Every structure is written in structure tokens, then in C-alpha cells.
Amino acid sequence: MNHFPISSAALIVVLGGVGVLGDVCIKRAADSSQVDLRYFAAGATIYLVTATGWLLVMRSVKLITIGPLYAISTILLLTIAGMVLGERIRPAEILGICLAVASVALLARFGGA
């Protein structure tokens, strides 16, 4: 577990993206006046599938290494998903997203990852 192959980094980003897809399904389920069980089931199934992927990644990569890459990719992918779903992003939120990415990058650089 002392090396970090590019394929693991790519898989972490892909799993983040698949997880965001699950988040979008759960958001769609929650946006209905009554919970839409189809979207909820799809989101839960996607989460189950990503758990299998995380099992594979965690066999070869330390959590302290996974964390920053997963956090940054999730922040950016959820932002994009929100925009695709029609959510408006205010300038203060853009600043917050930039600061969040910067803080995770700093933690990754100086926090031992």
C-alpha cells in the first residue's frame, strides 16, 4: 500500500462520479411531494455498486490518500450535477467551492496524504 497507481486514482474519480449519480437519484426521489421509490431504489442500488468498487480500491490505497481525491472530485461533480439539474450557483457559493477545493488540496499536501 505504499504506492499510488494512476489506475487507482482514475477509479476513485469514477467511483465519485457514480456516487454523484446515486446522489442525483436520491435528490430526484426527495424532490417529489411523495418520495419517488423508483429514484430511491435506483440511488440505493448505485450506492451498493459503488461499495463494491470501494472494496477494490481500499485493498491497495490508504484512506488518507483516497480522501482528498474523492473529496475534490465529489465537490466538483456535485456542483456540475446541480447545474445540470437547473440549480443556480451564486458568486458566494462559487467562492465557497473554490475554498473547499483549496482546503482539501492543502490538507492533502500538508496533512500526510
C-alpha atoms as a PDB file:
ATOM      1  CA  MET A   1       0.000   0.000   0.000  1.00  0.00           C
ATOM      2  CA  ASN A   2       2.936   2.343  -0.341  1.00  0.00           C
ATOM      3  CA  HIS A   3       2.401   3.262  -3.996  1.00  0.00           C
ATOM      4  CA  PHE A   4      -0.475   5.034  -5.720  1.00  0.00           C
ATOM      5  CA  PRO A   5      -1.113   3.775  -9.246  1.00  0.00           C
ATOM      6  CA  ILE A   6      -2.826   6.063 -11.761  1.00  0.00           C
ATOM      7  CA  SER A   7      -5.475   3.396 -12.309  1.00  0.00           C
ATOM      8  CA  SER A   8      -6.449   3.693  -8.633  1.00  0.00           C
ATOM      9  CA  ALA A   9      -6.739   7.485  -8.959  1.00  0.00           C
ATOM     10  CA  ALA A  10      -8.955   7.083 -12.013  1.00  0.00           C
ATOM     11  CA  LEU A  11     -11.113   4.521 -10.223  1.00  0.00           C
ATOM     12  CA  ILE A  12     -11.514   6.881  -7.244  1.00  0.00           C
ATOM     13  CA  VAL A  13     -12.730   9.668  -9.544  1.00  0.00           C
ATOM     14  CA  VAL A  14     -15.047   7.270 -11.413  1.00  0.00           C
ATOM     15  CA  LEU A  15     -16.478   5.988  -8.126  1.00  0.00           C
ATOM     16  CA  GLY A  16     -17.004   9.578  -7.055  1.00  0.00           C
ATOM     17  CA  GLY A  17     -18.893  10.172 -10.298  1.00  0.00           C
ATOM     18  CA  VAL A  18     -21.014   7.062  -9.884  1.00  0.00           C
ATOM     19  CA  GLY A  19     -21.731   8.110  -6.290  1.00  0.00           C
ATOM     20  CA  VAL A  20     -22.858  11.513  -7.560  1.00  0.00           C
ATOM     21  CA  LEU A  21     -25.220   9.717  -9.938  1.00  0.00           C
ATOM     22  CA  GLY A  22     -26.657   7.950  -6.885  1.00  0.00           C
ATOM     23  CA  ASP A  23     -26.937  11.332  -5.133  1.00  0.00           C
ATOM     24  CA  VAL A  24     -28.839  12.743  -8.125  1.00  0.00           C
ATOM     25  CA  CYS A  25     -31.290   9.826  -7.961  1.00  0.00           C
ATOM     26  CA  ILE A  26     -31.839  10.367  -4.239  1.00  0.00           C
ATOM     27  CA  LYS A  27     -32.313  14.112  -4.865  1.00  0.00           C
ATOM     28  CA  ARG A  28     -34.904  13.344  -7.541  1.00  0.00           C
ATOM     29  CA  ALA A  29     -36.675  10.974  -5.138  1.00  0.00           C
ATOM     30  CA  ALA A  30     -36.726  13.665  -2.463  1.00  0.00           C
ATOM     31  CA  ASP A  31     -37.947  16.431  -4.787  1.00  0.00           C
ATOM     32  CA  SER A  32     -41.340  14.786  -5.243  1.00  0.00           C
ATOM     33  CA  SER A  33     -44.208  15.594  -2.877  1.00  0.00           C
ATOM     34  CA  GLN A  34     -44.121  11.899  -2.061  1.00  0.00           C
ATOM     35  CA  VAL A  35     -40.841  10.012  -2.179  1.00  0.00           C
ATOM     36  CA  ASP A  36     -40.436   8.535  -5.657  1.00  0.00           C
ATOM     37  CA  LEU A  37     -39.497   4.964  -4.837  1.00  0.00           C
ATOM     38  CA  ARG A  38     -38.099   4.294  -8.323  1.00  0.00           C
ATOM     39  CA  TYR A  39     -35.471   7.013  -7.963  1.00  0.00           C
ATOM     40  CA  PHE A  40     -34.833   5.997  -4.367  1.00  0.00           C
ATOM     41  CA  ALA A  41     -34.282   2.350  -5.365  1.00  0.00           C
ATOM     42  CA  ALA A  42     -32.010   3.409  -8.224  1.00  0.00           C
ATOM     43  CA  GLY A  43     -29.944   5.584  -5.884  1.00  0.00           C
ATOM     44  CA  ALA A  44     -29.677   2.824  -3.278  1.00  0.00           C
ATOM     45  CA  THR A  45     -28.631   0.318  -5.955  1.00  0.00           C
ATOM     46  CA  ILE A  46     -25.985   2.686  -7.271  1.00  0.00           C
ATOM     47  CA  TYR A  47     -24.633   3.145  -3.727  1.00  0.00           C
ATOM     48  CA  LEU A  48     -24.433  -0.650  -3.389  1.00  0.00           C
ATOM     49  CA  VAL A  49     -22.488  -0.931  -6.638  1.00  0.00           C
ATOM     50  CA  THR A  50     -20.036   1.766  -5.566  1.00  0.00           C
ATOM     51  CA  ALA A  51     -19.424  -0.089  -2.297  1.00  0.00           C
ATOM     52  CA  THR A  52     -18.003  -2.946  -4.363  1.00  0.00           C
ATOM     53  CA  GLY A  53     -15.719  -0.539  -6.193  1.00  0.00           C
ATOM     54  CA  TRP A  54     -14.547   0.983  -2.903  1.00  0.00           C
ATOM     55  CA  LEU A  55     -13.704  -2.504  -1.666  1.00  0.00           C
ATOM     56  CA  LEU A  56     -11.366  -2.935  -4.627  1.00  0.00           C
ATOM     57  CA  VAL A  57      -9.749   0.492  -4.199  1.00  0.00           C
ATOM     58  CA  MET A  58      -9.270   0.170  -0.453  1.00  0.00           C
ATOM     59  CA  ARG A  59      -7.301  -3.035  -0.884  1.00  0.00           C
ATOM     60  CA  SER A  60      -4.440  -1.096  -2.434  1.00  0.00           C
ATOM     61  CA  VAL A  61      -4.784   2.562  -1.381  1.00  0.00           C
ATOM     62  CA  LYS A  62      -4.698   4.141   2.077  1.00  0.00           C
ATOM     63  CA  LEU A  63      -7.766   6.076   3.257  1.00  0.00           C
ATOM     64  CA  ILE A  64      -5.652   9.165   3.855  1.00  0.00           C
ATOM     65  CA  THR A  65      -4.756   9.071   0.166  1.00  0.00           C
ATOM     66  CA  ILE A  66      -8.280   8.331  -1.054  1.00  0.00           C
ATOM     67  CA  GLY A  67      -9.889  11.115   0.974  1.00  0.00           C
ATOM     68  CA  PRO A  68      -8.594  14.251  -0.742  1.00  0.00           C
ATOM     69  CA  LEU A  69      -9.022  12.954  -4.294  1.00  0.00           C
ATOM     70  CA  TYR A  70     -12.524  11.691  -3.549  1.00  0.00           C
ATOM     71  CA  ALA A  71     -13.450  14.932  -1.779  1.00  0.00           C
ATOM     72  CA  ILE A  72     -12.293  17.205  -4.585  1.00  0.00           C
ATOM     73  CA  SER A  73     -13.869  15.097  -7.327  1.00  0.00           C
ATOM     74  CA  THR A  74     -17.142  14.874  -5.389  1.00  0.00           C
ATOM     75  CA  ILE A  75     -17.251  18.634  -4.732  1.00  0.00           C
ATOM     76  CA  LEU A  76     -16.754  19.394  -8.411  1.00  0.00           C
ATOM     77  CA  LEU A  77     -19.030  16.653  -9.748  1.00  0.00           C
ATOM     78  CA  LEU A  78     -21.884  17.543  -7.369  1.00  0.00           C
ATOM     79  CA  THR A  79     -21.555  21.170  -8.436  1.00  0.00           C
ATOM     80  CA  ILE A  80     -21.798  20.172 -12.089  1.00  0.00           C
ATOM     81  CA  ALA A  81     -24.750  17.874 -11.334  1.00  0.00           C
ATOM     82  CA  GLY A  82     -26.554  20.695  -9.556  1.00  0.00           C
ATOM     83  CA  MET A  83     -26.021  22.977 -12.530  1.00  0.00           C
ATOM     84  CA  VAL A  84     -27.299  20.296 -14.933  1.00  0.00           C
ATOM     85  CA  LEU A  85     -30.405  19.934 -12.731  1.00  0.00           C
ATOM     86  CA  GLY A  86     -31.020  23.660 -13.082  1.00  0.00           C
ATOM     87  CA  GLU A  87     -29.713  24.858  -9.733  1.00  0.00           C
ATOM     88  CA  ARG A  88     -28.242  28.351  -9.846  1.00  0.00           C
ATOM     89  CA  ILE A  89     -24.873  28.956  -8.245  1.00  0.00           C
ATOM     90  CA  ARG A  90     -24.339  32.340  -6.646  1.00  0.00           C
ATOM     91  CA  PRO A  91     -20.927  34.021  -6.554  1.00  0.00           C
ATOM     92  CA  ALA A  92     -20.610  33.357  -2.818  1.00  0.00           C
ATOM     93  CA  GLU A  93     -21.186  29.647  -3.488  1.00  0.00           C
ATOM     94  CA  ILE A  94     -18.539  29.653  -6.229  1.00  0.00           C
ATOM     95  CA  LEU A  95     -16.113  31.195  -3.750  1.00  0.00           C
ATOM     96  CA  GLY A  96     -17.065  28.547  -1.181  1.00  0.00           C
ATOM     97  CA  ILE A  97     -16.483  25.748  -3.688  1.00  0.00           C
ATOM     98  CA  CYS A  98     -13.078  27.187  -4.607  1.00  0.00           C
ATOM     99  CA  LEU A  99     -12.145  27.489  -0.930  1.00  0.00           C
ATOM    100  CA  ALA A 100     -13.333  23.932  -0.265  1.00  0.00           C
ATOM    101  CA  VAL A 101     -11.170  22.569  -3.087  1.00  0.00           C
ATOM    102  CA  ALA A 102      -8.221  24.656  -1.870  1.00  0.00           C
ATOM    103  CA  SER A 103      -8.635  23.426   1.704  1.00  0.00           C
ATOM    104  CA  VAL A 104      -8.763  19.788   0.646  1.00  0.00           C
ATOM    105  CA  ALA A 105      -5.719  20.317  -1.587  1.00  0.00           C
ATOM    106  CA  LEU A 106      -3.836  21.886   1.339  1.00  0.00           C
ATOM    107  CA  LEU A 107      -4.823  19.020   3.631  1.00  0.00           C
ATOM    108  CA  ALA A 108      -3.644  16.543   1.013  1.00  0.00           C
ATOM    109  CA  ARG A 109      -0.332  18.346   0.602  1.00  0.00           C
ATOM    110  CA  PHE A 110       0.476  19.051   4.239  1.00  0.00           C
ATOM    111  CA  GLY A 111      -1.739  16.601   6.112  1.00  0.00           C
ATOM    112  CA  GLY A 112       0.290  13.482   5.372  1.00  0.00           C
ATOM    113  CA  ALA A 113      -1.502  12.190   2.271  1.00  0.00           C
END
